[in-house]
PDB file of N, CA and C in Angstrom:
ATOM      1  N   MET A   1      26.708  -7.176  33.702  1.00  0.00           N
ATOM      2  CA  MET A   1      27.448  -7.630  34.850  1.00  0.00           C
ATOM      3  C   MET A   1      28.755  -8.280  34.428  1.00  0.00           C
ATOM      4  N   ARG A   2      28.763  -8.852  33.265  1.00  0.00           N
ATOM      5  CA  ARG A   2      29.983  -9.488  32.779  1.00  0.00           C
ATOM      6  C   ARG A   2      30.475  -8.748  31.549  1.00  0.00           C
ATOM      7  N   ARG A   3      30.741  -7.497  31.730  1.00  0.00           N
ATOM      8  CA  ARG A   3      31.169  -6.653  30.610  1.00  0.00           C
ATOM      9  C   ARG A   3      32.548  -7.029  30.118  1.00  0.00           C
ATOM     10  N   ALA A   4      33.372  -7.583  30.996  1.00  0.00           N
ATOM     11  CA  ALA A   4      34.718  -7.982  30.568  1.00  0.00           C
ATOM     12  C   ALA A   4      34.630  -9.042  29.477  1.00  0.00           C
ATOM     13  N   TYR A   5      33.667  -9.975  29.589  1.00  0.00           N
ATOM     14  CA  TYR A   5      33.488 -10.980  28.550  1.00  0.00           C
ATOM     15  C   TYR A   5      33.106 -10.323  27.232  1.00  0.00           C
ATOM     16  N   ALA A   6      32.231  -9.357  27.295  1.00  0.00           N
ATOM     17  CA  ALA A   6      31.801  -8.674  26.076  1.00  0.00           C
ATOM     18  C   ALA A   6      32.946  -7.881  25.457  1.00  0.00           C
ATOM     19  N   VAL A   7      33.730  -7.199  26.281  1.00  0.00           N
ATOM     20  CA  VAL A   7      34.834  -6.383  25.766  1.00  0.00           C
ATOM     21  C   VAL A   7      35.908  -7.264  25.134  1.00  0.00           C
ATOM     22  N   PHE A   8      36.350  -8.295  25.856  1.00  0.00           N
ATOM     23  CA  PHE A   8      37.398  -9.148  25.308  1.00  0.00           C
ATOM     24  C   PHE A   8      36.884 -10.000  24.148  1.00  0.00           C
ATOM     25  N   GLY A   9      35.630 -10.378  24.184  1.00  0.00           N
ATOM     26  CA  GLY A   9      35.041 -11.080  23.052  1.00  0.00           C
ATOM     27  C   GLY A   9      35.000 -10.208  21.812  1.00  0.00           C
ATOM     28  N   ALA A  10      34.654  -8.942  21.995  1.00  0.00           N
ATOM     29  CA  ALA A  10      34.632  -8.009  20.860  1.00  0.00           C
ATOM     30  C   ALA A  10      36.034  -7.815  20.296  1.00  0.00           C
ATOM     31  N   PHE A  11      37.038  -7.698  21.173  1.00  0.00           N
ATOM     32  CA  PHE A  11      38.417  -7.584  20.692  1.00  0.00           C
ATOM     33  C   PHE A  11      38.830  -8.823  19.896  1.00  0.00           C
ATOM     34  N   GLY A  12      38.455  -9.987  20.387  1.00  0.00           N
ATOM     35  CA  GLY A  12      38.780 -11.225  19.685  1.00  0.00           C
ATOM     36  C   GLY A  12      38.134 -11.294  18.317  1.00  0.00           C
ATOM     37  N   ILE A  13      36.869 -10.890  18.246  1.00  0.00           N
ATOM     38  CA  ILE A  13      36.160 -10.896  16.966  1.00  0.00           C
ATOM     39  C   ILE A  13      36.798  -9.905  16.004  1.00  0.00           C
ATOM     40  N   ILE A  14      37.145  -8.731  16.500  1.00  0.00           N
ATOM     41  CA  ILE A  14      37.781  -7.716  15.645  1.00  0.00           C
ATOM     42  C   ILE A  14      39.117  -8.225  15.117  1.00  0.00           C
ATOM     43  N   LEU A  15      39.906  -8.847  15.982  1.00  0.00           N
ATOM     44  CA  LEU A  15      41.197  -9.380  15.537  1.00  0.00           C
ATOM     45  C   LEU A  15      41.011 -10.482  14.495  1.00  0.00           C
ATOM     46  N   TYR A  16      40.055 -11.360  14.727  1.00  0.00           N
ATOM     47  CA  TYR A  16      39.827 -12.446  13.773  1.00  0.00           C
ATOM     48  C   TYR A  16      39.307 -11.921  12.441  1.00  0.00           C
ATOM     49  N   LEU A  17      38.399 -10.955  12.478  1.00  0.00           N
ATOM     50  CA  LEU A  17      37.905 -10.372  11.222  1.00  0.00           C
ATOM     51  C   LEU A  17      39.019  -9.621  10.496  1.00  0.00           C
ATOM     52  N   GLY A  18      39.918  -8.990  11.226  1.00  0.00           N
ATOM     53  CA  GLY A  18      41.069  -8.358  10.602  1.00  0.00           C
ATOM     54  C   GLY A  18      41.970  -9.378   9.926  1.00  0.00           C
ATOM     55  N   HIS A  19      42.154 -10.518  10.575  1.00  0.00           N
ATOM     56  CA  HIS A  19      42.927 -11.606   9.972  1.00  0.00           C
ATOM     57  C   HIS A  19      42.253 -12.103   8.702  1.00  0.00           C
ATOM     58  N   LEU A  20      40.938 -12.322   8.777  1.00  0.00           N
ATOM     59  CA  LEU A  20      40.211 -12.782   7.593  1.00  0.00           C
ATOM     60  C   LEU A  20      40.327 -11.781   6.452  1.00  0.00           C
ATOM     61  N   ALA A  21      40.153 -10.500   6.757  1.00  0.00           N
ATOM     62  CA  ALA A  21      40.197  -9.480   5.718  1.00  0.00           C
ATOM     63  C   ALA A  21      41.597  -9.330   5.129  1.00  0.00           C
ATOM     64  N   GLY A  22      42.631  -9.435   5.945  1.00  0.00           N
ATOM     65  CA  GLY A  22      43.980  -9.189   5.474  1.00  0.00           C
ATOM     66  C   GLY A  22      44.679 -10.389   4.877  1.00  0.00           C
ATOM     67  N   VAL A  23      44.335 -11.588   5.331  1.00  0.00           N
ATOM     68  CA  VAL A  23      45.067 -12.768   4.885  1.00  0.00           C
ATOM     69  C   VAL A  23      44.200 -13.684   4.029  1.00  0.00           C
ATOM     70  N   VAL A  24      43.079 -14.107   4.576  1.00  0.00           N
ATOM     71  CA  VAL A  24      42.268 -15.115   3.903  1.00  0.00           C
ATOM     72  C   VAL A  24      41.544 -14.545   2.687  1.00  0.00           C
ATOM     73  N   PHE A  25      40.882 -13.401   2.847  1.00  0.00           N
ATOM     74  CA  PHE A  25      40.102 -12.816   1.758  1.00  0.00           C
ATOM     75  C   PHE A  25      40.781 -11.565   1.208  1.00  0.00           C
ATOM     76  N   LYS A  26      42.095 -11.601   1.067  1.00  0.00           N
ATOM     77  CA  LYS A  26      42.862 -10.435   0.661  1.00  0.00           C
ATOM     78  C   LYS A  26      42.432  -9.883  -0.695  1.00  0.00           C
ATOM     79  N   ASP A  27      42.156 -10.728  -1.646  1.00  0.00           N
ATOM     80  CA  ASP A  27      41.815 -10.289  -2.992  1.00  0.00           C
ATOM     81  C   ASP A  27      40.317 -10.361  -3.290  1.00  0.00           C
ATOM     82  N   SER A  28      39.510 -10.570  -2.276  1.00  0.00           N
ATOM     83  CA  SER A  28      38.073 -10.689  -2.479  1.00  0.00           C
ATOM     84  C   SER A  28      37.411  -9.317  -2.425  1.00  0.00           C
ATOM     85  N   LEU A  29      36.589  -9.050  -3.403  1.00  0.00           N
ATOM     86  CA  LEU A  29      35.871  -7.783  -3.445  1.00  0.00           C
ATOM     87  C   LEU A  29      34.545  -7.860  -2.694  1.00  0.00           C
ATOM     88  N   LEU A  30      33.998  -9.062  -2.529  1.00  0.00           N
ATOM     89  CA  LEU A  30      32.696  -9.236  -1.895  1.00  0.00           C
ATOM     90  C   LEU A  30      32.774  -9.253  -0.367  1.00  0.00           C
ATOM     91  N   PHE A  31      33.923  -9.625   0.211  1.00  0.00           N
ATOM     92  CA  PHE A  31      34.033  -9.769   1.662  1.00  0.00           C
ATOM     93  C   PHE A  31      33.662  -8.510   2.440  1.00  0.00           C
ATOM     94  N   PRO A  32      34.138  -7.314   2.067  1.00  0.00           N
ATOM     95  CA  PRO A  32      33.750  -6.122   2.842  1.00  0.00           C
ATOM     96  C   PRO A  32      32.246  -5.856   2.804  1.00  0.00           C
ATOM     97  N   PHE A  33      31.609  -6.133   1.684  1.00  0.00           N
ATOM     98  CA  PHE A  33      30.167  -5.927   1.595  1.00  0.00           C
ATOM     99  C   PHE A  33      29.398  -6.940   2.438  1.00  0.00           C
ATOM    100  N   ALA A  34      29.849  -8.192   2.408  1.00  0.00           N
ATOM    101  CA  ALA A  34      29.219  -9.217   3.234  1.00  0.00           C
ATOM    102  C   ALA A  34      29.398  -8.906   4.719  1.00  0.00           C
ATOM    103  N   LEU A  35      30.584  -8.462   5.084  1.00  0.00           N
ATOM    104  CA  LEU A  35      30.860  -8.120   6.480  1.00  0.00           C
ATOM    105  C   LEU A  35      30.024  -6.922   6.931  1.00  0.00           C
ATOM    106  N   SER A  36      29.851  -5.943   6.054  1.00  0.00           N
ATOM    107  CA  SER A  36      29.013  -4.781   6.373  1.00  0.00           C
ATOM    108  C   SER A  36      27.557  -5.182   6.537  1.00  0.00           C
ATOM    109  N   THR A  37      27.089  -6.072   5.693  1.00  0.00           N
ATOM    110  CA  THR A  37      25.707  -6.550   5.796  1.00  0.00           C
ATOM    111  C   THR A  37      25.479  -7.290   7.109  1.00  0.00           C
ATOM    112  N   ILE A  38      26.430  -8.118   7.490  1.00  0.00           N
ATOM    113  CA  ILE A  38      26.316  -8.836   8.762  1.00  0.00           C
ATOM    114  C   ILE A  38      26.321  -7.847   9.931  1.00  0.00           C
ATOM    115  N   GLY A  39      27.170  -6.829   9.874  1.00  0.00           N
ATOM    116  CA  GLY A  39      27.213  -5.822  10.932  1.00  0.00           C
ATOM    117  C   GLY A  39      25.912  -5.058  11.062  1.00  0.00           C
ATOM    118  N   ILE A  40      25.319  -4.685   9.934  1.00  0.00           N
ATOM    119  CA  ILE A  40      24.032  -3.983   9.956  1.00  0.00           C
ATOM    120  C   ILE A  40      22.947  -4.881  10.527  1.00  0.00           C
ATOM    121  N   ALA A  41      22.985  -6.165  10.184  1.00  0.00           N
ATOM    122  CA  ALA A  41      21.998  -7.109  10.726  1.00  0.00           C
ATOM    123  C   ALA A  41      22.139  -7.258  12.238  1.00  0.00           C
ATOM    124  N   VAL A  42      23.372  -7.275  12.743  1.00  0.00           N
ATOM    125  CA  VAL A  42      23.585  -7.381  14.194  1.00  0.00           C
ATOM    126  C   VAL A  42      23.063  -6.142  14.912  1.00  0.00           C
ATOM    127  N   VAL A  43      23.318  -4.967  14.348  1.00  0.00           N
ATOM    128  CA  VAL A  43      22.825  -3.725  14.954  1.00  0.00           C
ATOM    129  C   VAL A  43      21.296  -3.702  14.932  1.00  0.00           C
ATOM    130  N   ALA A  44      20.694  -4.111  13.822  1.00  0.00           N
ATOM    131  CA  ALA A  44      19.236  -4.137  13.722  1.00  0.00           C
ATOM    132  C   ALA A  44      18.635  -5.121  14.726  1.00  0.00           C
ATOM    133  N   ALA A  45      19.260  -6.287  14.892  1.00  0.00           N
ATOM    134  CA  ALA A  45      18.766  -7.256  15.880  1.00  0.00           C
ATOM    135  C   ALA A  45      18.876  -6.696  17.298  1.00  0.00           C
ATOM    136  N   GLY A  46      19.944  -5.975  17.587  1.00  0.00           N
ATOM    137  CA  GLY A  46      20.092  -5.351  18.904  1.00  0.00           C
ATOM    138  C   GLY A  46      19.030  -4.298  19.161  1.00  0.00           C
ATOM    139  N   LEU A  47      18.722  -3.510  18.143  1.00  0.00           N
ATOM    140  CA  LEU A  47      17.666  -2.496  18.288  1.00  0.00           C
ATOM    141  C   LEU A  47      16.300  -3.136  18.489  1.00  0.00           C
ATOM    142  N   LEU A  48      16.018  -4.184  17.723  1.00  0.00           N
ATOM    143  CA  LEU A  48      14.736  -4.886  17.890  1.00  0.00           C
ATOM    144  C   LEU A  48      14.622  -5.509  19.267  1.00  0.00           C
ATOM    145  N   TYR A  49      15.720  -6.090  19.752  1.00  0.00           N
ATOM    146  CA  TYR A  49      15.700  -6.668  21.092  1.00  0.00           C
ATOM    147  C   TYR A  49      15.472  -5.591  22.147  1.00  0.00           C
ATOM    148  N   HIS A  50      16.146  -4.462  22.001  1.00  0.00           N
ATOM    149  CA  HIS A  50      16.009  -3.377  22.975  1.00  0.00           C
ATOM    150  C   HIS A  50      14.570  -2.853  23.021  1.00  0.00           C
ATOM    151  N   ARG A  51      13.951  -2.745  21.869  1.00  0.00           N
ATOM    152  CA  ARG A  51      12.568  -2.250  21.817  1.00  0.00           C
ATOM    153  C   ARG A  51      11.569  -3.240  22.398  1.00  0.00           C
ATOM    154  N   ASN A  52      11.850  -4.533  22.268  1.00  0.00           N
ATOM    155  CA  ASN A  52      10.899  -5.570  22.692  1.00  0.00           C
ATOM    156  C   ASN A  52      11.422  -6.407  23.852  1.00  0.00           C
ATOM    157  N   GLN A  53      12.287  -5.838  24.653  1.00  0.00           N
ATOM    158  CA  GLN A  53      12.938  -6.590  25.717  1.00  0.00           C
ATOM    159  C   GLN A  53      11.942  -7.176  26.720  1.00  0.00           C
ATOM    160  N   GLN A  54      10.956  -6.411  27.118  1.00  0.00           N
ATOM    161  CA  GLN A  54       9.988  -6.899  28.104  1.00  0.00           C
ATOM    162  C   GLN A  54       9.156  -8.050  27.541  1.00  0.00           C
ATOM    163  N   ALA A  55       8.724  -7.930  26.295  1.00  0.00           N
ATOM    164  CA  ALA A  55       7.929  -8.990  25.677  1.00  0.00           C
ATOM    165  C   ALA A  55       8.759 -10.263  25.499  1.00  0.00           C
ATOM    166  N   ILE A  56      10.020 -10.114  25.120  1.00  0.00           N
ATOM    167  CA  ILE A  56      10.888 -11.279  24.953  1.00  0.00           C
ATOM    168  C   ILE A  56      11.127 -11.952  26.294  1.00  0.00           C
ATOM    169  N   ALA A  57      11.358 -11.178  27.335  1.00  0.00           N
ATOM    170  CA  ALA A  57      11.569 -11.741  28.676  1.00  0.00           C
ATOM    171  C   ALA A  57      10.322 -12.466  29.167  1.00  0.00           C
ATOM    172  N   ALA A  58       9.153 -11.900  28.910  1.00  0.00           N
ATOM    173  CA  ALA A  58       7.906 -12.559  29.323  1.00  0.00           C
ATOM    174  C   ALA A  58       7.704 -13.860  28.553  1.00  0.00           C
ATOM    175  N   TRP A  59       7.987 -13.844  27.254  1.00  0.00           N
ATOM    176  CA  TRP A  59       7.822 -15.055  26.457  1.00  0.00           C
ATOM    177  C   TRP A  59       8.779 -16.141  26.922  1.00  0.00           C
ATOM    178  N   LEU A  60      10.039 -15.767  27.194  1.00  0.00           N
ATOM    179  CA  LEU A  60      11.001 -16.753  27.667  1.00  0.00           C
ATOM    180  C   LEU A  60      10.603 -17.320  29.025  1.00  0.00           C
ATOM    181  N   SER A  61      10.110 -16.464  29.917  1.00  0.00           N
ATOM    182  CA  SER A  61       9.680 -16.935  31.236  1.00  0.00           C
ATOM    183  C   SER A  61       8.510 -17.906  31.125  1.00  0.00           C
ATOM    184  N   ALA A  62       7.644 -17.692  30.151  1.00  0.00           N
ATOM    185  CA  ALA A  62       6.483 -18.562  29.985  1.00  0.00           C
ATOM    186  C   ALA A  62       6.824 -19.859  29.262  1.00  0.00           C
ATOM    187  N   ASN A  63       7.873 -19.875  28.441  1.00  0.00           N
ATOM    188  CA  ASN A  63       8.115 -21.033  27.584  1.00  0.00           C
ATOM    189  C   ASN A  63       9.365 -21.851  27.899  1.00  0.00           C
ATOM    190  N   LEU A  64      10.265 -21.335  28.727  1.00  0.00           N
ATOM    191  CA  LEU A  64      11.458 -22.100  29.058  1.00  0.00           C
ATOM    192  C   LEU A  64      11.147 -23.131  30.136  1.00  0.00           C
ATOM    193  N   PRO A  65      11.801 -24.275  30.100  1.00  0.00           N
ATOM    194  CA  PRO A  65      11.600 -25.281  31.154  1.00  0.00           C
ATOM    195  C   PRO A  65      12.098 -24.759  32.506  1.00  0.00           C
ATOM    196  N   GLN A  66      11.549 -25.310  33.579  1.00  0.00           N
ATOM    197  CA  GLN A  66      11.917 -24.861  34.923  1.00  0.00           C
ATOM    198  C   GLN A  66      13.397 -25.072  35.211  1.00  0.00           C
ATOM    199  N   ALA A  67      13.988 -26.123  34.667  1.00  0.00           N
ATOM    200  CA  ALA A  67      15.414 -26.374  34.892  1.00  0.00           C
ATOM    201  C   ALA A  67      16.262 -25.237  34.322  1.00  0.00           C
ATOM    202  N   VAL A  68      15.850 -24.678  33.210  1.00  0.00           N
ATOM    203  CA  VAL A  68      16.584 -23.569  32.603  1.00  0.00           C
ATOM    204  C   VAL A  68      16.276 -22.265  33.332  1.00  0.00           C
ATOM    205  N   LEU A  69      15.038 -22.082  33.769  1.00  0.00           N
ATOM    206  CA  LEU A  69      14.655 -20.866  34.477  1.00  0.00           C
ATOM    207  C   LEU A  69      15.431 -20.707  35.787  1.00  0.00           C
ATOM    208  N   ARG A  70      15.767 -21.826  36.423  1.00  0.00           N
ATOM    209  CA  ARG A  70      16.530 -21.738  37.678  1.00  0.00           C
ATOM    210  C   ARG A  70      17.946 -21.254  37.457  1.00  0.00           C
ATOM    211  N   LEU A  71      18.454 -21.333  36.246  1.00  0.00           N
ATOM    212  CA  LEU A  71      19.830 -20.914  35.960  1.00  0.00           C
ATOM    213  C   LEU A  71      19.946 -19.419  35.749  1.00  0.00           C
ATOM    214  N   ARG A  72      18.830 -18.719  35.613  1.00  0.00           N
ATOM    215  CA  ARG A  72      18.878 -17.262  35.369  1.00  0.00           C
ATOM    216  C   ARG A  72      19.339 -16.526  36.607  1.00  0.00           C
ATOM    217  N   PRO A  73      20.183 -15.490  36.440  1.00  0.00           N
ATOM    218  CA  PRO A  73      20.575 -14.699  37.597  1.00  0.00           C
ATOM    219  C   PRO A  73      19.454 -13.750  38.025  1.00  0.00           C
ATOM    220  N   ASP A  74      19.208 -13.647  39.300  1.00  0.00           N
ATOM    221  CA  ASP A  74      18.207 -12.762  39.879  1.00  0.00           C
ATOM    222  C   ASP A  74      16.797 -12.995  39.343  1.00  0.00           C
ATOM    223  N   GLY A  75      16.540 -14.158  38.812  1.00  0.00           N
ATOM    224  CA  GLY A  75      15.193 -14.450  38.311  1.00  0.00           C
ATOM    225  C   GLY A  75      14.839 -13.723  37.031  1.00  0.00           C
ATOM    226  N   ARG A  76      15.823 -13.107  36.362  1.00  0.00           N
ATOM    227  CA  ARG A  76      15.550 -12.389  35.126  1.00  0.00           C
ATOM    228  C   ARG A  76      16.028 -13.191  33.942  1.00  0.00           C
ATOM    229  N   VAL A  77      15.445 -12.888  32.786  1.00  0.00           N
ATOM    230  CA  VAL A  77      15.875 -13.535  31.541  1.00  0.00           C
ATOM    231  C   VAL A  77      16.905 -12.650  30.882  1.00  0.00           C
TER     232      VAL A  77
END
């Protein structure tokens, strides 16, 4: 529902990582490997979440306080 936040957030992250790669870690050989490892971990976490989305939503509904549950849109986690 808030895809604009995701799109502009992704652009911001890409720009910042480009700055880090080009300016801050210009002569570092390890930075691209570390960045690739982090990217693979993010993709793997997304796949795990997608596969277990219903179980995660049920666990959150059972364990979150009522004050936090009221903040969810449409009663979903």
